C-alpha atoms as a PDB file:
ATOM      1  CA  MET A   1      20.791  -4.475   5.073  1.00  0.00           C
ATOM      2  CA  ASP A   2      17.225  -2.986   5.683  1.00  0.00           C
ATOM      3  CA  ILE A   3      15.719  -6.173   4.895  1.00  0.00           C
ATOM      4  CA  LEU A   4      17.788  -8.332   7.011  1.00  0.00           C
ATOM      5  CA  GLN A   5      16.578  -6.280  10.022  1.00  0.00           C
ATOM      6  CA  ILE A   6      12.913  -6.444   8.979  1.00  0.00           C
ATOM      7  CA  VAL A   7      13.115 -10.206   8.376  1.00  0.00           C
ATOM      8  CA  GLY A   8      14.774 -10.786  11.806  1.00  0.00           C
ATOM      9  CA  ILE A   9      12.488  -9.037  13.330  1.00  0.00           C
ATOM     10  CA  GLY A  10       9.264 -10.749  11.464  1.00  0.00           C
ATOM     11  CA  LEU A  11      11.036 -13.756  12.536  1.00  0.00           C
ATOM     12  CA  LEU A  12      11.513 -13.020  15.967  1.00  0.00           C
ATOM     13  CA  ALA A  13       7.630 -11.917  16.243  1.00  0.00           C
ATOM     14  CA  THR A  14       6.686 -14.941  14.393  1.00  0.00           C
ATOM     15  CA  ILE A  15       8.077 -17.053  16.806  1.00  0.00           C
ATOM     16  CA  LEU A  16       6.616 -14.920  19.981  1.00  0.00           C
ATOM     17  CA  ILE A  17       3.485 -14.980  18.190  1.00  0.00           C
ATOM     18  CA  LEU A  18       3.493 -18.754  18.226  1.00  0.00           C
ATOM     19  CA  VAL A  19       4.095 -18.987  21.801  1.00  0.00           C
ATOM     20  CA  ILE A  20       1.618 -16.582  22.761  1.00  0.00           C
ATOM     21  CA  ARG A  21      -0.865 -17.781  20.470  1.00  0.00           C
ATOM     22  CA  GLU A  22      -1.725 -20.832  22.749  1.00  0.00           C
ATOM     23  CA  GLN A  23      -2.260 -19.058  26.085  1.00  0.00           C
ATOM     24  CA  LYS A  24      -3.010 -15.513  24.637  1.00  0.00           C
ATOM     25  CA  PRO A  25      -4.603 -15.364  21.102  1.00  0.00           C
ATOM     26  CA  MET A  26      -5.409 -11.663  21.838  1.00  0.00           C
ATOM     27  CA  PHE A  27      -2.056 -10.520  22.492  1.00  0.00           C
ATOM     28  CA  ALA A  28      -0.849 -12.675  19.535  1.00  0.00           C
ATOM     29  CA  PHE A  29      -3.147 -10.939  17.297  1.00  0.00           C
ATOM     30  CA  LEU A  30      -2.043  -7.708  18.723  1.00  0.00           C
ATOM     31  CA  LEU A  31       1.314  -8.216  18.503  1.00  0.00           C
ATOM     32  CA  ALA A  32       1.260  -9.394  14.728  1.00  0.00           C
ATOM     33  CA  ALA A  33      -0.534  -5.999  14.272  1.00  0.00           C
ATOM     34  CA  PHE A  34       1.955  -3.735  16.273  1.00  0.00           C
ATOM     35  CA  VAL A  35       5.091  -5.402  14.234  1.00  0.00           C
ATOM     36  CA  GLY A  36       3.066  -5.374  10.980  1.00  0.00           C
ATOM     37  CA  VAL A  37       2.584  -1.294  11.703  1.00  0.00           C
ATOM     38  CA  ALA A  38       6.154  -1.061  12.971  1.00  0.00           C
ATOM     39  CA  ILE A  39       7.345  -2.534   9.934  1.00  0.00           C
ATOM     40  CA  PHE A  40       5.119  -0.348   7.844  1.00  0.00           C
ATOM     41  CA  LEU A  41       6.111   2.820   9.283  1.00  0.00           C
ATOM     42  CA  THR A  42       9.569   2.211   9.034  1.00  0.00           C
ATOM     43  CA  MET A  43       9.454   2.151   5.409  1.00  0.00           C
ATOM     44  CA  ILE A  44       7.991   5.431   4.938  1.00  0.00           C
ATOM     45  CA  GLY A  45      11.195   6.916   4.769  1.00  0.00           C
ATOM     46  CA  LYS A  46      12.021   4.840   2.065  1.00  0.00           C
ATOM     47  CA  ILE A  47       8.690   5.566   0.424  1.00  0.00           C
ATOM     48  CA  GLU A  48       9.308   9.660   0.643  1.00  0.00           C
ATOM     49  CA  GLY A  49      12.465   8.773  -1.202  1.00  0.00           C
ATOM     50  CA  VAL A  50      10.885   7.294  -4.011  1.00  0.00           C
ATOM     51  CA  VAL A  51       8.240  10.221  -3.993  1.00  0.00           C
ATOM     52  CA  SER A  52      10.845  12.828  -4.075  1.00  0.00           C
ATOM     53  CA  VAL A  53      12.340  11.317  -7.098  1.00  0.00           C
ATOM     54  CA  LEU A  54       9.346  10.951  -8.850  1.00  0.00           C
ATOM     55  CA  GLU A  55       8.359  14.576  -8.387  1.00  0.00           C
ATOM     56  CA  ASP A  56      11.755  15.716  -9.939  1.00  0.00           C
ATOM     57  CA  LEU A  57      11.299  13.400 -12.749  1.00  0.00           C
ATOM     58  CA  ALA A  58       7.620  15.113 -13.347  1.00  0.00           C
ATOM     59  CA  ASP A  59       9.055  18.332 -12.792  1.00  0.00           C
ATOM     60  CA  ARG A  60      11.661  17.950 -15.783  1.00  0.00           C
ATOM     61  CA  SER A  61       9.278  15.946 -17.916  1.00  0.00           C
ATOM     62  CA  GLY A  62       6.658  18.631 -17.935  1.00  0.00           C
ATOM     63  CA  ILE A  63       4.042  16.037 -16.430  1.00  0.00           C
ATOM     64  CA  SER A  64       1.544  17.799 -14.513  1.00  0.00           C
ATOM     65  CA  SER A  65       1.831  17.368 -10.668  1.00  0.00           C
ATOM     66  CA  VAL A  66      -1.794  16.488 -10.742  1.00  0.00           C
ATOM     67  CA  TYR A  67      -1.255  12.962 -12.425  1.00  0.00           C
ATOM     68  CA  LEU A  68       1.873  12.381 -10.259  1.00  0.00           C
ATOM     69  CA  LYS A  69      -0.362  13.095  -7.126  1.00  0.00           C
ATOM     70  CA  THR A  70      -3.314  11.109  -8.099  1.00  0.00           C
ATOM     71  CA  MET A  71      -0.959   8.024  -9.262  1.00  0.00           C
ATOM     72  CA  LEU A  72       0.772   8.466  -5.554  1.00  0.00           C
ATOM     73  CA  LYS A  73      -2.723   8.281  -4.113  1.00  0.00           C
ATOM     74  CA  ILE A  74      -3.505   5.293  -6.189  1.00  0.00           C
ATOM     75  CA  ILE A  75      -0.799   3.457  -5.446  1.00  0.00           C
ATOM     76  CA  GLY A  76      -1.195   4.496  -1.576  1.00  0.00           C
ATOM     77  CA  ILE A  77      -4.724   3.148  -1.536  1.00  0.00           C
ATOM     78  CA  ALA A  78      -3.233  -0.223  -2.954  1.00  0.00           C
ATOM     79  CA  TYR A  79      -0.772  -0.858  -0.265  1.00  0.00           C
ATOM     80  CA  ILE A  80      -3.137   0.422   2.666  1.00  0.00           C
ATOM     81  CA  ALA A  81      -5.973  -1.601   1.594  1.00  0.00           C
ATOM     82  CA  GLU A  82      -3.649  -4.568   1.092  1.00  0.00           C
ATOM     83  CA  PHE A  83      -1.942  -4.057   4.365  1.00  0.00           C
ATOM     84  CA  GLY A  84      -5.197  -3.642   6.190  1.00  0.00           C
ATOM     85  CA  ALA A  85      -6.474  -6.566   4.963  1.00  0.00           C
ATOM     86  CA  GLN A  86      -3.413  -8.773   5.743  1.00  0.00           C
ATOM     87  CA  ILE A  87      -3.875  -7.866   9.409  1.00  0.00           C
ATOM     88  CA  VAL A  88      -7.763  -8.718   9.105  1.00  0.00           C
ATOM     89  CA  ARG A  89      -6.771 -12.063   7.766  1.00  0.00           C
ATOM     90  CA  ASP A  90      -4.142 -12.382  10.826  1.00  0.00           C
ATOM     91  CA  ALA A  91      -7.531 -11.855  12.766  1.00  0.00           C
ATOM     92  CA  GLY A  92      -8.987 -15.019  10.517  1.00  0.00           C
ATOM     93  CA  LEU A  93     -11.799 -12.663   9.200  1.00  0.00           C
ATOM     94  CA  GLU A  94     -11.439 -13.422   5.450  1.00  0.00           C
ATOM     95  CA  SER A  95     -14.818 -12.023   4.247  1.00  0.00           C
ATOM     96  CA  VAL A  96     -13.756  -8.704   5.937  1.00  0.00           C
ATOM     97  CA  ALA A  97     -10.651  -8.879   4.258  1.00  0.00           C
ATOM     98  CA  SER A  98     -12.273  -9.326   0.956  1.00  0.00           C
ATOM     99  CA  LYS A  99     -14.455  -6.287   1.429  1.00  0.00           C
ATOM    100  CA  ILE A 100     -11.118  -4.136   2.379  1.00  0.00           C
ATOM    101  CA  GLU A 101      -9.523  -5.014  -0.961  1.00  0.00           C
ATOM    102  CA  PHE A 102     -13.098  -4.689  -2.884  1.00  0.00           C
ATOM    103  CA  ALA A 103     -13.400  -1.301  -1.461  1.00  0.00           C
ATOM    104  CA  GLY A 104      -9.478  -0.042  -2.165  1.00  0.00           C
ATOM    105  CA  LYS A 105     -10.359  -1.400  -5.676  1.00  0.00           C
ATOM    106  CA  ILE A 106     -12.996   0.970  -6.218  1.00  0.00           C
ATOM    107  CA  LEU A 107     -11.389   3.680  -4.792  1.00  0.00           C
ATOM    108  CA  ILE A 108      -8.656   3.075  -7.014  1.00  0.00           C
ATOM    109  CA  LEU A 109     -10.964   2.948 -10.238  1.00  0.00           C
ATOM    110  CA  VAL A 110     -12.663   6.281  -8.710  1.00  0.00           C
ATOM    111  CA  MET A 111      -9.032   7.986  -8.531  1.00  0.00           C
ATOM    112  CA  ALA A 112      -8.209   6.564 -12.032  1.00  0.00           C
ATOM    113  CA  VAL A 113     -11.043   7.965 -13.889  1.00  0.00           C
ATOM    114  CA  PRO A 114      -9.876  11.037 -14.589  1.00  0.00           C
ATOM    115  CA  ILE A 115      -6.282   9.577 -15.637  1.00  0.00           C
ATOM    116  CA  ILE A 116      -8.179   7.509 -18.132  1.00  0.00           C
ATOM    117  CA  GLY A 117     -10.306  10.501 -19.762  1.00  0.00           C
ATOM    118  CA  VAL A 118      -7.177  12.593 -20.426  1.00  0.00           C
ATOM    119  CA  LEU A 119      -5.235   8.913 -21.500  1.00  0.00           C
ATOM    120  CA  ILE A 120      -8.318   8.666 -24.276  1.00  0.00           C
ATOM    121  CA  GLU A 121      -8.491  12.373 -25.258  1.00  0.00           C
ATOM    122  CA  THR A 122      -4.469  12.248 -26.016  1.00  0.00           C
ATOM    123  CA  VAL A 123      -5.199   9.371 -28.022  1.00  0.00           C
ATOM    124  CA  LEU A 124      -8.003  10.345 -30.162  1.00  0.00           C
ATOM    125  CA  ASN A 125      -6.131  13.749 -30.553  1.00  0.00           C
ATOM    126  CA  LEU A 126      -3.036  11.614 -32.263  1.00  0.00           C
ATOM    127  CA  LEU A 127      -5.639   9.941 -34.592  1.00  0.00           C
ATOM    128  CA  PRO A 128      -5.889  11.296 -37.829  1.00  0.00           C
ATOM    129  CA  ALA A 129      -9.661  13.194 -38.512  1.00  0.00           C
END
């Protein structure tokens, strides 16, 4: 049912934006940004539920919480970078949106290096000497 409400809000906002854009383009952009943030904040509750389940699974499987937290941060960076880039694209600034996505990819790489290192060490330890 949540998706129907979100799509309904999105469609209503789209109609309003199309009407307002002709007269006041800045208000149209602000409305688009506001609706995007509202939808994002609505989904945070769902994200908290997923994080809780993943933490429970990690505890039961014996995976260090450091790795889970790092993976969740990586996922968060990806979503936030994409969200920010889409808002900037809505404003018509494709080049800035590309830079936001690039920065997100670099931050993801930086966060992933320790995990990649552990994976390589694990594989090397499994191989016969």
